[in-house]
Amino acid sequence: AIRAGSHETALPVRQVVPDVSAAAARRIDSLIGTFTTMYVPGQPRV
C-alpha cells in the first residue's frame, strides 16, 4: 500500500475454530451426576 501510495488495505486474518462447537455440545443429553463437597483449604486432597 505504501509503495502504491494507497491509504487503505485489508489485514489478512486466519479464523480460529473453537475446541468445543455448539453442535458437539448439543449432543450431550445425559447427566451422570453432580455433587458438592466442602473442604478446608490446605488439605492434601485439594
All heavy atoms as atom14 arrays in JSON, in Angstrom:
{
  "sequence": "AIRAGSHETALPVRQVVPDVSAAAARRIDSLIGTFTTMYVPGQPRV",
  "atom14_mask": [
    [1, 1, 1, 1, 1, 0, 0, 0, 0, 0, 0, 0, 0, 0],
    [1, 1, 1, 1, 1, 1, 1, 1, 0, 0, 0, 0, 0, 0],
    [1, 1, 1, 1, 1, 1, 1, 1, 1, 1, 1, 0, 0, 0],
    [1, 1, 1, 1, 1, 0, 0, 0, 0, 0, 0, 0, 0, 0],
    [1, 1, 1, 1, 0, 0, 0, 0, 0, 0, 0, 0, 0, 0],
    [1, 1, 1, 1, 1, 1, 0, 0, 0, 0, 0, 0, 0, 0],
    [1, 1, 1, 1, 1, 1, 1, 1, 1, 1, 0, 0, 0, 0],
    [1, 1, 1, 1, 1, 1, 1, 1, 1, 0, 0, 0, 0, 0],
    [1, 1, 1, 1, 1, 1, 1, 0, 0, 0, 0, 0, 0, 0],
    [1, 1, 1, 1, 1, 0, 0, 0, 0, 0, 0, 0, 0, 0],
    [1, 1, 1, 1, 1, 1, 1, 1, 0, 0, 0, 0, 0, 0],
    [1, 1, 1, 1, 1, 1, 1, 0, 0, 0, 0, 0, 0, 0],
    [1, 1, 1, 1, 1, 1, 1, 0, 0, 0, 0, 0, 0, 0],
    [1, 1, 1, 1, 1, 1, 1, 1, 1, 1, 1, 0, 0, 0],
    [1, 1, 1, 1, 1, 1, 1, 1, 1, 0, 0, 0, 0, 0],
    [1, 1, 1, 1, 1, 1, 1, 0, 0, 0, 0, 0, 0, 0],
    [1, 1, 1, 1, 1, 1, 1, 0, 0, 0, 0, 0, 0, 0],
    [1, 1, 1, 1, 1, 1, 1, 0, 0, 0, 0, 0, 0, 0],
    [1, 1, 1, 1, 1, 1, 1, 1, 0, 0, 0, 0, 0, 0],
    [1, 1, 1, 1, 1, 1, 1, 0, 0, 0, 0, 0, 0, 0],
    [1, 1, 1, 1, 1, 1, 0, 0, 0, 0, 0, 0, 0, 0],
    [1, 1, 1, 1, 1, 0, 0, 0, 0, 0, 0, 0, 0, 0],
    [1, 1, 1, 1, 1, 0, 0, 0, 0, 0, 0, 0, 0, 0],
    [1, 1, 1, 1, 1, 0, 0, 0, 0, 0, 0, 0, 0, 0],
    [1, 1, 1, 1, 1, 0, 0, 0, 0, 0, 0, 0, 0, 0],
    [1, 1, 1, 1, 1, 1, 1, 1, 1, 1, 1, 0, 0, 0],
    [1, 1, 1, 1, 1, 1, 1, 1, 1, 1, 1, 0, 0, 0],
    [1, 1, 1, 1, 1, 1, 1, 1, 0, 0, 0, 0, 0, 0],
    [1, 1, 1, 1, 1, 1, 1, 1, 0, 0, 0, 0, 0, 0],
    [1, 1, 1, 1, 1, 1, 0, 0, 0, 0, 0, 0, 0, 0],
    [1, 1, 1, 1, 1, 1, 1, 1, 0, 0, 0, 0, 0, 0],
    [1, 1, 1, 1, 1, 1, 1, 1, 0, 0, 0, 0, 0, 0],
    [1, 1, 1, 1, 0, 0, 0, 0, 0, 0, 0, 0, 0, 0],
    [1, 1, 1, 1, 1, 1, 1, 0, 0, 0, 0, 0, 0, 0],
    [1, 1, 1, 1, 1, 1, 1, 1, 1, 1, 1, 0, 0, 0],
    [1, 1, 1, 1, 1, 1, 1, 0, 0, 0, 0, 0, 0, 0],
    [1, 1, 1, 1, 1, 1, 1, 0, 0, 0, 0, 0, 0, 0],
    [1, 1, 1, 1, 1, 1, 1, 1, 0, 0, 0, 0, 0, 0],
    [1, 1, 1, 1, 1, 1, 1, 1, 1, 1, 1, 1, 0, 0],
    [1, 1, 1, 1, 1, 1, 1, 0, 0, 0, 0, 0, 0, 0],
    [1, 1, 1, 1, 1, 1, 1, 0, 0, 0, 0, 0, 0, 0],
    [1, 1, 1, 1, 0, 0, 0, 0, 0, 0, 0, 0, 0, 0],
    [1, 1, 1, 1, 1, 1, 1, 1, 1, 0, 0, 0, 0, 0],
    [1, 1, 1, 1, 1, 1, 1, 0, 0, 0, 0, 0, 0, 0],
    [1, 1, 1, 1, 1, 1, 1, 1, 1, 1, 1, 0, 0, 0],
    [1, 1, 1, 1, 1, 1, 1, 0, 0, 0, 0, 0, 0, 0]
  ],
  "atom14_positions": [
    [[0.83, -1.2, 0.0], [0.0, 0.0, 0.0], [0.87, 1.26, 0.0], [0.59, 2.22, -0.73], [-0.92, -0.01, 1.22], [0.0, 0.0, 0.0], [0.0, 0.0, 0.0], [0.0, 0.0, 0.0], [0.0, 0.0, 0.0], [0.0, 0.0, 0.0], [0.0, 0.0, 0.0], [0.0, 0.0, 0.0], [0.0, 0.0, 0.0], [0.0, 0.0, 0.0]],
    [[1.92, 1.25, 0.8], [2.81, 2.42, 0.86], [3.48, 2.65, -0.48], [3.54, 3.77, -1.0], [3.85, 2.24, 1.98], [3.18, 2.28, 3.35], [4.94, 3.3, 1.89], [4.09, 1.95, 4.51], [0.0, 0.0, 0.0], [0.0, 0.0, 0.0], [0.0, 0.0, 0.0], [0.0, 0.0, 0.0], [0.0, 0.0, 0.0], [0.0, 0.0, 0.0]],
    [[3.99, 1.57, -1.09], [4.68, 1.72, -2.38], [3.74, 2.23, -3.46], [4.15, 2.97, -4.36], [5.27, 0.38, -2.8], [6.46, -0.05, -1.95], [6.81, -1.5, -2.2], [7.88, -1.96, -1.32], [8.11, -3.22, -1.03], [7.32, -4.17, -1.55], [9.09, -3.56, -0.22], [0.0, 0.0, 0.0], [0.0, 0.0, 0.0], [0.0, 0.0, 0.0]],
    [[2.46, 1.81, -3.38], [1.48, 2.23, -4.39], [0.86, 3.58, -4.06], [0.08, 4.1, -4.87], [0.39, 1.17, -4.52], [0.0, 0.0, 0.0], [0.0, 0.0, 0.0], [0.0, 0.0, 0.0], [0.0, 0.0, 0.0], [0.0, 0.0, 0.0], [0.0, 0.0, 0.0], [0.0, 0.0, 0.0], [0.0, 0.0, 0.0], [0.0, 0.0, 0.0]],
    [[1.14, 4.12, -2.89], [0.52, 5.4, -2.5], [-0.92, 5.23, -2.06], [-1.66, 6.22, -1.98], [0.0, 0.0, 0.0], [0.0, 0.0, 0.0], [0.0, 0.0, 0.0], [0.0, 0.0, 0.0], [0.0, 0.0, 0.0], [0.0, 0.0, 0.0], [0.0, 0.0, 0.0], [0.0, 0.0, 0.0], [0.0, 0.0, 0.0], [0.0, 0.0, 0.0]],
    [[-1.34, 4.01, -1.75], [-2.72, 3.75, -1.33], [-2.86, 3.97, 0.17], [-1.91, 3.73, 0.94], [-3.1, 2.31, -1.67], [-4.36, 1.98, -1.14], [0.0, 0.0, 0.0], [0.0, 0.0, 0.0], [0.0, 0.0, 0.0], [0.0, 0.0, 0.0], [0.0, 0.0, 0.0], [0.0, 0.0, 0.0], [0.0, 0.0, 0.0], [0.0, 0.0, 0.0]],
    [[-4.05, 4.4, 0.6], [-4.29, 4.67, 2.02], [-5.34, 3.72, 2.6], [-5.97, 4.04, 3.62], [-4.72, 6.13, 2.22], [-3.57, 7.08, 2.06], [-3.2, 7.59, 0.84], [-2.7, 7.6, 2.97], [-2.16, 8.39, 0.99], [-1.84, 8.41, 2.27], [0.0, 0.0, 0.0], [0.0, 0.0, 0.0], [0.0, 0.0, 0.0], [0.0, 0.0, 0.0]],
    [[-5.52, 2.58, 1.96], [-6.41, 1.56, 2.54], [-5.94, 0.17, 2.1], [-5.6, -0.04, 0.94], [-7.85, 1.77, 2.11], [-8.81, 0.75, 2.73], [-10.28, 1.1, 2.54], [-10.58, 2.31, 2.41], [-11.11, 0.18, 2.53], [0.0, 0.0, 0.0], [0.0, 0.0, 0.0], [0.0, 0.0, 0.0], [0.0, 0.0, 0.0], [0.0, 0.0, 0.0]],
    [[-5.92, -0.75, 3.04], [-5.58, -2.13, 2.74], [-6.2, -3.03, 3.8], [-6.55, -2.57, 4.9], [-4.05, -2.33, 2.7], [-3.76, -3.63, 2.18], [-3.44, -2.22, 4.09], [0.0, 0.0, 0.0], [0.0, 0.0, 0.0], [0.0, 0.0, 0.0], [0.0, 0.0, 0.0], [0.0, 0.0, 0.0], [0.0, 0.0, 0.0], [0.0, 0.0, 0.0]],
    [[-6.37, -4.3, 3.45], [-7.0, -5.26, 4.37], [-5.94, -6.05, 5.11], [-4.92, -6.45, 4.53], [-7.91, -6.21, 3.6], [0.0, 0.0, 0.0], [0.0, 0.0, 0.0], [0.0, 0.0, 0.0], [0.0, 0.0, 0.0], [0.0, 0.0, 0.0], [0.0, 0.0, 0.0], [0.0, 0.0, 0.0], [0.0, 0.0, 0.0], [0.0, 0.0, 0.0]],
    [[-6.19, -6.27, 6.39], [-5.31, -7.11, 7.2], [-5.69, -8.58, 6.97], [-6.83, -8.96, 7.23], [-5.46, -6.78, 8.68], [-4.9, -5.43, 9.15], [-5.24, -5.22, 10.62], [-3.4, -5.37, 8.93], [0.0, 0.0, 0.0], [0.0, 0.0, 0.0], [0.0, 0.0, 0.0], [0.0, 0.0, 0.0], [0.0, 0.0, 0.0], [0.0, 0.0, 0.0]],
    [[-4.79, -9.4, 6.49], [-5.1, -10.82, 6.32], [-5.28, -11.49, 7.68], [-4.48, -11.27, 8.59], [-3.87, -11.38, 5.6], [-3.15, -10.18, 5.06], [-3.45, -9.07, 6.03], [0.0, 0.0, 0.0], [0.0, 0.0, 0.0], [0.0, 0.0, 0.0], [0.0, 0.0, 0.0], [0.0, 0.0, 0.0], [0.0, 0.0, 0.0], [0.0, 0.0, 0.0]],
    [[-6.37, -12.28, 7.82], [-6.63, -12.94, 9.1], [-6.86, -14.43, 8.88], [-7.18, -14.88, 7.78], [-7.85, -12.32, 9.81], [-7.61, -10.87, 10.17], [-9.11, -12.48, 8.96], [0.0, 0.0, 0.0], [0.0, 0.0, 0.0], [0.0, 0.0, 0.0], [0.0, 0.0, 0.0], [0.0, 0.0, 0.0], [0.0, 0.0, 0.0], [0.0, 0.0, 0.0]],
    [[-6.67, -15.18, 9.93], [-6.96, -16.61, 9.92], [-8.0, -16.88, 10.99], [-7.89, -16.4, 12.12], [-5.69, -17.4, 10.21], [-5.91, -18.91, 10.31], [-4.59, -19.65, 10.4], [-3.85, -19.32, 11.6], [-4.02, -19.89, 12.79], [-4.98, -20.81, 12.94], [-3.3, -19.55, 13.83], [0.0, 0.0, 0.0], [0.0, 0.0, 0.0], [0.0, 0.0, 0.0]],
    [[-9.06, -17.65, 10.62], [-10.1, -17.95, 11.59], [-9.62, -19.05, 12.54], [-8.99, -20.02, 12.13], [-11.38, -18.41, 10.89], [-12.58, -18.55, 11.82], [-13.84, -18.95, 11.09], [-13.91, -20.04, 10.53], [-14.83, -18.07, 11.07], [0.0, 0.0, 0.0], [0.0, 0.0, 0.0], [0.0, 0.0, 0.0], [0.0, 0.0, 0.0], [0.0, 0.0, 0.0]],
    [[-9.93, -18.89, 13.82], [-9.57, -19.86, 14.84], [-10.84, -20.58, 15.27], [-11.78, -19.94, 15.79], [-8.9, -19.17, 16.05], [-8.52, -20.21, 17.1], [-7.66, -18.39, 15.6], [0.0, 0.0, 0.0], [0.0, 0.0, 0.0], [0.0, 0.0, 0.0], [0.0, 0.0, 0.0], [0.0, 0.0, 0.0], [0.0, 0.0, 0.0], [0.0, 0.0, 0.0]],
    [[-10.91, -21.88, 15.05], [-12.11, -22.67, 15.37], [-12.11, -23.05, 16.85], [-11.07, -23.46, 17.39], [-12.15, -23.93, 14.5], [-13.38, -24.78, 14.83], [-12.13, -23.56, 13.02], [0.0, 0.0, 0.0], [0.0, 0.0, 0.0], [0.0, 0.0, 0.0], [0.0, 0.0, 0.0], [0.0, 0.0, 0.0], [0.0, 0.0, 0.0], [0.0, 0.0, 0.0]],
    [[-13.25, -22.92, 17.54], [-13.31, -23.32, 18.95], [-13.03, -24.81, 19.11], [-13.34, -25.62, 18.23], [-14.74, -22.97, 19.37], [-15.24, -22.03, 18.34], [-14.54, -22.37, 17.07], [0.0, 0.0, 0.0], [0.0, 0.0, 0.0], [0.0, 0.0, 0.0], [0.0, 0.0, 0.0], [0.0, 0.0, 0.0], [0.0, 0.0, 0.0], [0.0, 0.0, 0.0]],
    [[-12.5, -25.2, 20.24], [-12.28, -26.63, 20.52], [-13.6, -27.37, 20.7], [-13.73, -28.54, 20.34], [-11.41, -26.78, 21.78], [-10.0, -26.28, 21.56], [-9.52, -26.3, 20.4], [-9.36, -25.83, 22.53], [0.0, 0.0, 0.0], [0.0, 0.0, 0.0], [0.0, 0.0, 0.0], [0.0, 0.0, 0.0], [0.0, 0.0, 0.0], [0.0, 0.0, 0.0]],
    [[-14.6, -26.69, 21.29], [-15.92, -27.3, 21.53], [-16.95, -26.47, 20.77], [-17.19, -25.3, 21.1], [-16.26, -27.34, 23.02], [-17.64, -27.97, 23.22], [-15.2, -28.1, 23.8], [0.0, 0.0, 0.0], [0.0, 0.0, 0.0], [0.0, 0.0, 0.0], [0.0, 0.0, 0.0], [0.0, 0.0, 0.0], [0.0, 0.0, 0.0], [0.0, 0.0, 0.0]],
    [[-17.57, -27.08, 19.75], [-18.58, -26.36, 18.97], [-19.95, -26.52, 19.63], [-20.18, -27.41, 20.47], [-18.62, -26.91, 17.54], [-19.08, -28.25, 17.54], [0.0, 0.0, 0.0], [0.0, 0.0, 0.0], [0.0, 0.0, 0.0], [0.0, 0.0, 0.0], [0.0, 0.0, 0.0], [0.0, 0.0, 0.0], [0.0, 0.0, 0.0], [0.0, 0.0, 0.0]],
    [[-20.91, -25.68, 19.24], [-22.27, -25.76, 19.76], [-22.91, -27.09, 19.36], [-23.64, -27.71, 20.14], [-23.1, -24.58, 19.25], [0.0, 0.0, 0.0], [0.0, 0.0, 0.0], [0.0, 0.0, 0.0], [0.0, 0.0, 0.0], [0.0, 0.0, 0.0], [0.0, 0.0, 0.0], [0.0, 0.0, 0.0], [0.0, 0.0, 0.0], [0.0, 0.0, 0.0]],
    [[-22.62, -27.55, 18.13], [-23.19, -28.83, 17.69], [-22.71, -29.98, 18.56], [-23.48, -30.88, 18.93], [-22.82, -29.07, 16.22], [0.0, 0.0, 0.0], [0.0, 0.0, 0.0], [0.0, 0.0, 0.0], [0.0, 0.0, 0.0], [0.0, 0.0, 0.0], [0.0, 0.0, 0.0], [0.0, 0.0, 0.0], [0.0, 0.0, 0.0], [0.0, 0.0, 0.0]],
    [[-21.43, -29.96, 18.91], [-20.91, -31.03, 19.75], [-21.52, -30.96, 21.15], [-21.84, -31.99, 21.77], [-19.39, -30.93, 19.82], [0.0, 0.0, 0.0], [0.0, 0.0, 0.0], [0.0, 0.0, 0.0], [0.0, 0.0, 0.0], [0.0, 0.0, 0.0], [0.0, 0.0, 0.0], [0.0, 0.0, 0.0], [0.0, 0.0, 0.0], [0.0, 0.0, 0.0]],
    [[-21.71, -29.75, 21.66], [-22.28, -29.6, 23.0], [-23.73, -30.09, 23.03], [-24.19, -30.66, 24.02], [-22.18, -28.15, 23.44], [0.0, 0.0, 0.0], [0.0, 0.0, 0.0], [0.0, 0.0, 0.0], [0.0, 0.0, 0.0], [0.0, 0.0, 0.0], [0.0, 0.0, 0.0], [0.0, 0.0, 0.0], [0.0, 0.0, 0.0], [0.0, 0.0, 0.0]],
    [[-24.46, -29.9, 21.94], [-25.88, -30.3, 21.93], [-26.06, -31.81, 21.88], [-27.15, -32.31, 22.15], [-26.58, -29.63, 20.75], [-26.75, -28.13, 20.93], [-27.68, -27.53, 19.89], [-27.85, -26.11, 20.12], [-27.13, -25.17, 19.49], [-26.2, -25.53, 18.6], [-27.31, -23.88, 19.76], [0.0, 0.0, 0.0], [0.0, 0.0, 0.0], [0.0, 0.0, 0.0]],
    [[-25.01, -32.53, 21.53], [-25.12, -33.98, 21.52], [-25.1, -34.57, 22.94], [-25.35, -35.75, 23.14], [-23.98, -34.58, 20.69], [-24.14, -34.36, 19.18], [-23.27, -35.3, 18.39], [-21.84, -35.04, 18.61], [-21.13, -34.2, 17.85], [-21.72, -33.55, 16.85], [-19.86, -34.03, 18.1], [0.0, 0.0, 0.0], [0.0, 0.0, 0.0], [0.0, 0.0, 0.0]],
    [[-24.8, -33.77, 23.95], [-24.81, -34.22, 25.34], [-26.25, -34.14, 25.86], [-26.81, -33.04, 25.96], [-23.86, -33.37, 26.19], [-22.42, -33.46, 25.64], [-23.9, -33.81, 27.65], [-21.46, -32.52, 26.3], [0.0, 0.0, 0.0], [0.0, 0.0, 0.0], [0.0, 0.0, 0.0], [0.0, 0.0, 0.0], [0.0, 0.0, 0.0], [0.0, 0.0, 0.0]],
    [[-26.86, -35.3, 26.16], [-28.26, -35.3, 26.61], [-28.47, -36.11, 27.89], [-29.59, -36.39, 28.28], [-29.17, -35.85, 25.51], [-28.76, -37.27, 25.09], [-27.81, -37.82, 25.71], [-29.36, -37.8, 24.15], [0.0, 0.0, 0.0], [0.0, 0.0, 0.0], [0.0, 0.0, 0.0], [0.0, 0.0, 0.0], [0.0, 0.0, 0.0], [0.0, 0.0, 0.0]],
    [[-27.37, -36.52, 28.52], [-27.49, -37.29, 29.75], [-26.62, -36.67, 30.83], [-25.52, -36.19, 30.55], [-27.05, -38.74, 29.52], [-27.88, -39.37, 28.55], [0.0, 0.0, 0.0], [0.0, 0.0, 0.0], [0.0, 0.0, 0.0], [0.0, 0.0, 0.0], [0.0, 0.0, 0.0], [0.0, 0.0, 0.0], [0.0, 0.0, 0.0], [0.0, 0.0, 0.0]],
    [[-27.16, -36.74, 32.05], [-26.42, -36.21, 33.19], [-25.94, -37.38, 34.04], [-26.72, -38.23, 34.45], [-27.35, -35.31, 34.03], [-26.7, -34.66, 35.26], [-25.62, -33.69, 34.85], [-27.78, -33.96, 36.09], [0.0, 0.0, 0.0], [0.0, 0.0, 0.0], [0.0, 0.0, 0.0], [0.0, 0.0, 0.0], [0.0, 0.0, 0.0], [0.0, 0.0, 0.0]],
    [[-24.64, -37.44, 34.24], [-24.1, -38.5, 35.08], [-24.29, -38.16, 36.54], [-24.7, -39.0, 37.34], [-22.61, -38.71, 34.76], [-22.46, -39.25, 33.32], [-21.97, -39.67, 35.74], [-21.04, -39.4, 32.89], [0.0, 0.0, 0.0], [0.0, 0.0, 0.0], [0.0, 0.0, 0.0], [0.0, 0.0, 0.0], [0.0, 0.0, 0.0], [0.0, 0.0, 0.0]],
    [[-24.01, -36.96, 36.92], [-24.21, -36.61, 38.32], [-23.53, -35.31, 38.67], [-22.63, -34.85, 37.98], [0.0, 0.0, 0.0], [0.0, 0.0, 0.0], [0.0, 0.0, 0.0], [0.0, 0.0, 0.0], [0.0, 0.0, 0.0], [0.0, 0.0, 0.0], [0.0, 0.0, 0.0], [0.0, 0.0, 0.0], [0.0, 0.0, 0.0], [0.0, 0.0, 0.0]],
    [[-24.03, -34.72, 39.7], [-23.4, -33.52, 40.24], [-23.34, -33.65, 41.75], [-24.16, -34.34, 42.36], [-24.21, -32.25, 39.88], [-25.5, -32.35, 40.47], [-24.34, -32.09, 38.38], [0.0, 0.0, 0.0], [0.0, 0.0, 0.0], [0.0, 0.0, 0.0], [0.0, 0.0, 0.0], [0.0, 0.0, 0.0], [0.0, 0.0, 0.0], [0.0, 0.0, 0.0]],
    [[-22.38, -33.07, 42.34], [-22.31, -33.06, 43.8], [-21.44, -31.9, 44.23], [-20.71, -31.31, 43.44], [-21.75, -34.38, 44.33], [-20.33, -34.65, 43.9], [-19.26, -34.23, 44.68], [-20.08, -35.36, 42.73], [-17.96, -34.48, 44.27], [-18.78, -35.62, 42.34], [-17.71, -35.18, 43.11], [0.0, 0.0, 0.0], [0.0, 0.0, 0.0], [0.0, 0.0, 0.0]],
    [[-21.52, -31.59, 45.45], [-20.73, -30.51, 46.04], [-20.01, -31.07, 47.25], [-20.59, -31.81, 48.04], [-21.63, -29.34, 46.48], [-22.34, -28.86, 45.33], [-20.8, -28.22, 47.08], [0.0, 0.0, 0.0], [0.0, 0.0, 0.0], [0.0, 0.0, 0.0], [0.0, 0.0, 0.0], [0.0, 0.0, 0.0], [0.0, 0.0, 0.0], [0.0, 0.0, 0.0]],
    [[-18.78, -30.74, 47.36], [-18.02, -31.17, 48.53], [-17.4, -29.96, 49.2], [-16.97, -29.04, 48.52], [-16.93, -32.19, 48.14], [-16.24, -32.61, 49.32], [-15.92, -31.58, 47.19], [0.0, 0.0, 0.0], [0.0, 0.0, 0.0], [0.0, 0.0, 0.0], [0.0, 0.0, 0.0], [0.0, 0.0, 0.0], [0.0, 0.0, 0.0], [0.0, 0.0, 0.0]],
    [[-17.37, -29.97, 50.46], [-16.78, -28.88, 51.23], [-15.42, -29.34, 51.75], [-15.25, -30.49, 52.16], [-17.68, -28.51, 52.42], [-19.11, -28.17, 52.0], [-19.21, -26.76, 50.86], [-18.63, -25.47, 51.97], [0.0, 0.0, 0.0], [0.0, 0.0, 0.0], [0.0, 0.0, 0.0], [0.0, 0.0, 0.0], [0.0, 0.0, 0.0], [0.0, 0.0, 0.0]],
    [[-14.46, -28.49, 51.69], [-13.15, -28.86, 52.2], [-12.46, -27.61, 52.75], [-12.79, -26.49, 52.4], [-12.29, -29.51, 51.12], [-11.98, -28.6, 49.96], [-10.81, -27.83, 49.96], [-12.84, -28.52, 48.86], [-10.53, -27.01, 48.89], [-12.57, -27.69, 47.8], [-11.39, -26.93, 47.81], [-11.11, -26.12, 46.76], [0.0, 0.0, 0.0], [0.0, 0.0, 0.0]],
    [[-11.53, -27.89, 53.62], [-10.75, -26.8, 54.21], [-9.52, -26.57, 53.36], [-8.77, -27.51, 53.08], [-10.33, -27.16, 55.65], [-9.49, -26.04, 56.25], [-11.55, -27.44, 56.51], [0.0, 0.0, 0.0], [0.0, 0.0, 0.0], [0.0, 0.0, 0.0], [0.0, 0.0, 0.0], [0.0, 0.0, 0.0], [0.0, 0.0, 0.0], [0.0, 0.0, 0.0]],
    [[-9.29, -25.35, 52.91], [-8.1, -25.09, 52.08], [-6.83, -25.54, 52.79], [-6.68, -25.38, 53.99], [-8.14, -23.58, 51.88], [-9.56, -23.2, 52.09], [-10.09, -24.15, 53.12], [0.0, 0.0, 0.0], [0.0, 0.0, 0.0], [0.0, 0.0, 0.0], [0.0, 0.0, 0.0], [0.0, 0.0, 0.0], [0.0, 0.0, 0.0], [0.0, 0.0, 0.0]],
    [[-5.91, -26.14, 52.0], [-4.64, -26.56, 52.57], [-4.54, -28.04, 52.79], [-3.46, -28.58, 52.99], [0.0, 0.0, 0.0], [0.0, 0.0, 0.0], [0.0, 0.0, 0.0], [0.0, 0.0, 0.0], [0.0, 0.0, 0.0], [0.0, 0.0, 0.0], [0.0, 0.0, 0.0], [0.0, 0.0, 0.0], [0.0, 0.0, 0.0], [0.0, 0.0, 0.0]],
    [[-5.69, -28.76, 52.8], [-5.63, -30.2, 52.98], [-5.04, -30.85, 51.73], [-5.18, -30.34, 50.61], [-7.02, -30.76, 53.25], [-7.6, -30.33, 54.61], [-8.98, -30.91, 54.85], [-9.56, -31.5, 53.94], [-9.47, -30.76, 56.06], [0.0, 0.0, 0.0], [0.0, 0.0, 0.0], [0.0, 0.0, 0.0], [0.0, 0.0, 0.0], [0.0, 0.0, 0.0]],
    [[-4.4, -32.02, 51.87], [-3.75, -32.67, 50.73], [-4.7, -32.97, 49.59], [-4.31, -32.94, 48.43], [-3.19, -33.96, 51.33], [-3.0, -33.64, 52.78], [-4.12, -32.7, 53.15], [0.0, 0.0, 0.0], [0.0, 0.0, 0.0], [0.0, 0.0, 0.0], [0.0, 0.0, 0.0], [0.0, 0.0, 0.0], [0.0, 0.0, 0.0], [0.0, 0.0, 0.0]],
    [[-5.98, -33.24, 49.87], [-6.89, -33.61, 48.79], [-7.27, -32.43, 47.91], [-7.89, -32.61, 46.86], [-8.15, -34.24, 49.36], [-8.98, -33.31, 50.24], [-10.25, -33.98, 50.69], [-11.06, -33.13, 51.53], [-12.3, -33.41, 51.91], [-12.84, -34.55, 51.53], [-12.97, -32.59, 52.68], [0.0, 0.0, 0.0], [0.0, 0.0, 0.0], [0.0, 0.0, 0.0]],
    [[-6.89, -31.23, 48.32], [-7.21, -30.06, 47.49], [-6.6, -30.21, 46.09], [-7.22, -29.89, 45.07], [-6.69, -28.78, 48.17], [-6.77, -27.6, 47.19], [-7.49, -28.5, 49.43], [0.0, 0.0, 0.0], [0.0, 0.0, 0.0], [0.0, 0.0, 0.0], [0.0, 0.0, 0.0], [0.0, 0.0, 0.0], [0.0, 0.0, 0.0], [0.0, 0.0, 0.0]]
  ]
}
